[in-house]
C-alpha atoms as a PDB file:
ATOM      1  CA  UNK A   1     -15.236 -17.443   3.463  1.00  0.00           C
ATOM      2  CA  UNK A   2     -13.540 -14.273   4.604  1.00  0.00           C
ATOM      3  CA  UNK A   3     -14.198 -13.199   8.150  1.00  0.00           C
ATOM      4  CA  UNK A   4     -12.920  -9.985   9.713  1.00  0.00           C
ATOM      5  CA  UNK A   5     -13.018  -9.402  13.451  1.00  0.00           C
ATOM      6  CA  UNK A   6     -12.016  -6.094  14.987  1.00  0.00           C
ATOM      7  CA  UNK A   7     -10.873  -5.695  18.563  1.00  0.00           C
ATOM      8  CA  UNK A   8      -9.288  -3.151  20.863  1.00  0.00           C
ATOM      9  CA  UNK A   9     -12.016  -0.545  21.081  1.00  0.00           C
ATOM     10  CA  UNK A  10     -12.724   0.834  24.544  1.00  0.00           C
ATOM     11  CA  UNK A  11     -13.236   3.981  26.580  1.00  0.00           C
ATOM     12  CA  UNK A  12     -10.183   6.244  26.671  1.00  0.00           C
ATOM     13  CA  UNK A  13      -9.452   9.844  27.560  1.00  0.00           C
ATOM     14  CA  UNK A  14      -8.728  12.605  25.077  1.00  0.00           C
ATOM     15  CA  UNK A  15      -5.016  12.638  24.312  1.00  0.00           C
ATOM     16  CA  UNK A  16      -4.605   8.905  24.890  1.00  0.00           C
ATOM     17  CA  UNK A  17      -3.374   6.345  22.395  1.00  0.00           C
ATOM     18  CA  UNK A  18      -5.137   3.174  21.349  1.00  0.00           C
ATOM     19  CA  UNK A  19      -4.372   0.312  18.988  1.00  0.00           C
ATOM     20  CA  UNK A  20      -7.093  -1.498  17.121  1.00  0.00           C
ATOM     21  CA  UNK A  21      -6.651  -4.912  15.543  1.00  0.00           C
ATOM     22  CA  UNK A  22      -8.436  -6.608  12.682  1.00  0.00           C
ATOM     23  CA  UNK A  23      -7.968 -10.342  12.383  1.00  0.00           C
ATOM     24  CA  UNK A  24      -8.797 -12.150   9.172  1.00  0.00           C
ATOM     25  CA  UNK A  25      -9.804 -15.795   9.044  1.00  0.00           C
ATOM     26  CA  UNK A  26     -10.753 -18.020   6.144  1.00  0.00           C
ATOM     27  CA  UNK A  27      -8.228 -16.535   3.727  1.00  0.00           C
ATOM     28  CA  UNK A  28      -4.686 -15.243   3.670  1.00  0.00           C
ATOM     29  CA  UNK A  29      -4.441 -11.577   4.579  1.00  0.00           C
ATOM     30  CA  UNK A  30      -1.734 -11.174   1.955  1.00  0.00           C
ATOM     31  CA  UNK A  31      -4.393 -11.661  -0.749  1.00  0.00           C
ATOM     32  CA  UNK A  32      -6.125  -8.417   0.277  1.00  0.00           C
ATOM     33  CA  UNK A  33      -5.728  -4.703   0.306  1.00  0.00           C
ATOM     34  CA  UNK A  34      -7.061  -3.519   3.644  1.00  0.00           C
ATOM     35  CA  UNK A  35      -8.755  -0.448   5.010  1.00  0.00           C
ATOM     36  CA  UNK A  36     -10.153   1.089   8.163  1.00  0.00           C
ATOM     37  CA  UNK A  37     -13.332   3.134   8.269  1.00  0.00           C
ATOM     38  CA  UNK A  38     -15.274   4.722  11.078  1.00  0.00           C
ATOM     39  CA  UNK A  39     -18.813   5.842  11.663  1.00  0.00           C
ATOM     40  CA  UNK A  40     -19.977   8.119  14.426  1.00  0.00           C
ATOM     41  CA  UNK A  41     -23.635   8.320  15.471  1.00  0.00           C
ATOM     42  CA  UNK A  42     -25.658  10.341  12.992  1.00  0.00           C
ATOM     43  CA  UNK A  43     -22.754  10.668  10.575  1.00  0.00           C
ATOM     44  CA  UNK A  44     -21.759   8.961   7.364  1.00  0.00           C
ATOM     45  CA  UNK A  45     -19.067   6.343   7.260  1.00  0.00           C
ATOM     46  CA  UNK A  46     -15.649   7.958   6.925  1.00  0.00           C
ATOM     47  CA  UNK A  47     -12.458   6.594   5.401  1.00  0.00           C
ATOM     48  CA  UNK A  48      -9.650   6.409   7.945  1.00  0.00           C
ATOM     49  CA  UNK A  49      -6.741   4.582   6.352  1.00  0.00           C
ATOM     50  CA  UNK A  50      -5.755   1.865   3.907  1.00  0.00           C
ATOM     51  CA  UNK A  51      -2.717  -0.252   3.212  1.00  0.00           C
ATOM     52  CA  UNK A  52      -1.621  -2.175   0.160  1.00  0.00           C
ATOM     53  CA  UNK A  53      -1.103  -5.919   0.026  1.00  0.00           C
ATOM     54  CA  UNK A  54       2.469  -5.978   1.285  1.00  0.00           C
ATOM     55  CA  UNK A  55       2.249  -2.745   3.216  1.00  0.00           C
ATOM     56  CA  UNK A  56       4.343  -0.763   0.785  1.00  0.00           C
ATOM     57  CA  UNK A  57       1.849   2.077   0.472  1.00  0.00           C
ATOM     58  CA  UNK A  58      -0.462   3.631   3.026  1.00  0.00           C
ATOM     59  CA  UNK A  59      -3.230   6.183   2.607  1.00  0.00           C
ATOM     60  CA  UNK A  60      -5.011   8.274   5.195  1.00  0.00           C
ATOM     61  CA  UNK A  61      -8.145  10.315   5.549  1.00  0.00           C
ATOM     62  CA  UNK A  62      -7.640  14.017   6.043  1.00  0.00           C
ATOM     63  CA  UNK A  63      -8.862  14.161   9.611  1.00  0.00           C
ATOM     64  CA  UNK A  64      -6.557  11.421  10.890  1.00  0.00           C
ATOM     65  CA  UNK A  65      -3.367  11.783   8.924  1.00  0.00           C
ATOM     66  CA  UNK A  66      -0.418  12.392  11.194  1.00  0.00           C
ATOM     67  CA  UNK A  67      -2.116  10.915  14.244  1.00  0.00           C
ATOM     68  CA  UNK A  68      -3.133   7.453  13.026  1.00  0.00           C
ATOM     69  CA  UNK A  69      -0.903   4.735  11.593  1.00  0.00           C
ATOM     70  CA  UNK A  70      -2.055   1.664   9.711  1.00  0.00           C
ATOM     71  CA  UNK A  71       0.111  -1.430   9.554  1.00  0.00           C
ATOM     72  CA  UNK A  72      -0.207  -5.112   8.820  1.00  0.00           C
ATOM     73  CA  UNK A  73       1.345  -8.414   9.763  1.00  0.00           C
ATOM     74  CA  UNK A  74       0.586 -10.892   7.009  1.00  0.00           C
ATOM     75  CA  UNK A  75       2.162 -13.737   8.955  1.00  0.00           C
ATOM     76  CA  UNK A  76      -0.347 -13.187  11.760  1.00  0.00           C
ATOM     77  CA  UNK A  77      -3.227 -12.264   9.433  1.00  0.00           C
ATOM     78  CA  UNK A  78      -3.763  -9.037  11.353  1.00  0.00           C
ATOM     79  CA  UNK A  79      -4.101  -5.387  10.396  1.00  0.00           C
ATOM     80  CA  UNK A  80      -3.570  -2.682  12.990  1.00  0.00           C
ATOM     81  CA  UNK A  81      -4.645   0.902  13.453  1.00  0.00           C
ATOM     82  CA  UNK A  82      -2.516   2.824  15.915  1.00  0.00           C
ATOM     83  CA  UNK A  83      -4.295   5.961  17.056  1.00  0.00           C
ATOM     84  CA  UNK A  84      -2.444   8.705  18.916  1.00  0.00           C
ATOM     85  CA  UNK A  85      -3.545  12.015  20.408  1.00  0.00           C
ATOM     86  CA  UNK A  86      -7.151  10.957  20.350  1.00  0.00           C
ATOM     87  CA  UNK A  87      -9.782  13.662  20.221  1.00  0.00           C
ATOM     88  CA  UNK A  88     -13.445  13.510  21.236  1.00  0.00           C
ATOM     89  CA  UNK A  89     -14.375  13.689  17.556  1.00  0.00           C
ATOM     90  CA  UNK A  90     -12.524  10.421  16.949  1.00  0.00           C
ATOM     91  CA  UNK A  91     -15.203   8.533  18.863  1.00  0.00           C
ATOM     92  CA  UNK A  92     -16.909   6.089  16.507  1.00  0.00           C
ATOM     93  CA  UNK A  93     -17.335   2.477  15.548  1.00  0.00           C
ATOM     94  CA  UNK A  94     -14.210   1.473  13.651  1.00  0.00           C
ATOM     95  CA  UNK A  95     -14.472  -1.228  11.017  1.00  0.00           C
ATOM     96  CA  UNK A  96     -11.893  -2.909   8.855  1.00  0.00           C
ATOM     97  CA  UNK A  97     -12.492  -3.875   5.265  1.00  0.00           C
ATOM     98  CA  UNK A  98     -10.825  -5.956   2.584  1.00  0.00           C
ATOM     99  CA  UNK A  99     -10.706  -6.314  -1.163  1.00  0.00           C
ATOM    100  CA  UNK A 100      -8.659  -8.379  -3.606  1.00  0.00           C
ATOM    101  CA  UNK A 101      -9.169  -5.876  -6.446  1.00  0.00           C
ATOM    102  CA  UNK A 102      -6.626  -3.077  -6.736  1.00  0.00           C
ATOM    103  CA  UNK A 103      -8.978  -0.740  -8.618  1.00  0.00           C
ATOM    104  CA  UNK A 104     -11.547  -1.109  -5.857  1.00  0.00           C
ATOM    105  CA  UNK A 105      -8.869  -0.533  -3.263  1.00  0.00           C
ATOM    106  CA  UNK A 106      -7.900   2.749  -4.923  1.00  0.00           C
ATOM    107  CA  UNK A 107     -11.555   3.787  -5.016  1.00  0.00           C
ATOM    108  CA  UNK A 108     -12.000   2.804  -1.341  1.00  0.00           C
ATOM    109  CA  UNK A 109     -14.638   0.287  -2.377  1.00  0.00           C
ATOM    110  CA  UNK A 110     -14.141  -2.795  -0.267  1.00  0.00           C
ATOM    111  CA  UNK A 111     -15.875  -6.150  -0.549  1.00  0.00           C
ATOM    112  CA  UNK A 112     -15.600  -7.626   2.917  1.00  0.00           C
ATOM    113  CA  UNK A 113     -16.343  -5.923   6.211  1.00  0.00           C
ATOM    114  CA  UNK A 114     -16.045  -6.619   9.895  1.00  0.00           C
ATOM    115  CA  UNK A 115     -18.688  -5.787  12.494  1.00  0.00           C
ATOM    116  CA  UNK A 116     -16.673  -3.021  14.059  1.00  0.00           C
ATOM    117  CA  UNK A 117     -15.259  -2.100  17.439  1.00  0.00           C
ATOM    118  CA  UNK A 118     -16.412   0.946  19.402  1.00  0.00           C
ATOM    119  CA  UNK A 119     -14.038   3.655  20.507  1.00  0.00           C
ATOM    120  CA  UNK A 120     -15.376   6.035  23.131  1.00  0.00           C
ATOM    121  CA  UNK A 121     -13.445   9.121  24.188  1.00  0.00           C
ATOM    122  CA  UNK A 122     -13.989  11.179  27.284  1.00  0.00           C
ATOM    123  CA  UNK A 123     -12.897  14.797  27.256  1.00  0.00           C
END
């Protein structure tokens, strides 16, 4: 059974950097395309970034491209989201997601989800 656990969320100031981690257990991370999503209170879930199985391709949502970087370490079974120049509007619960199906990955339709980690930003 796939389990995803996010960590690293905390209170930071605007302009700070923060790295989130998503650790997979139960399966090999290398079997999955991975993504990060976020959801702020009262808003719909938003795509943040995704990365292919070996990390060769990365995709970003429009509001985070250039400031956020997704990466993965298949040996450690961990996916990261490095967030720089954080803005108050980046505050949200960030969740990672996984799928083994490439077509679903391209459509940002993931099968497995973590519970999320909260990022709070003070201005």
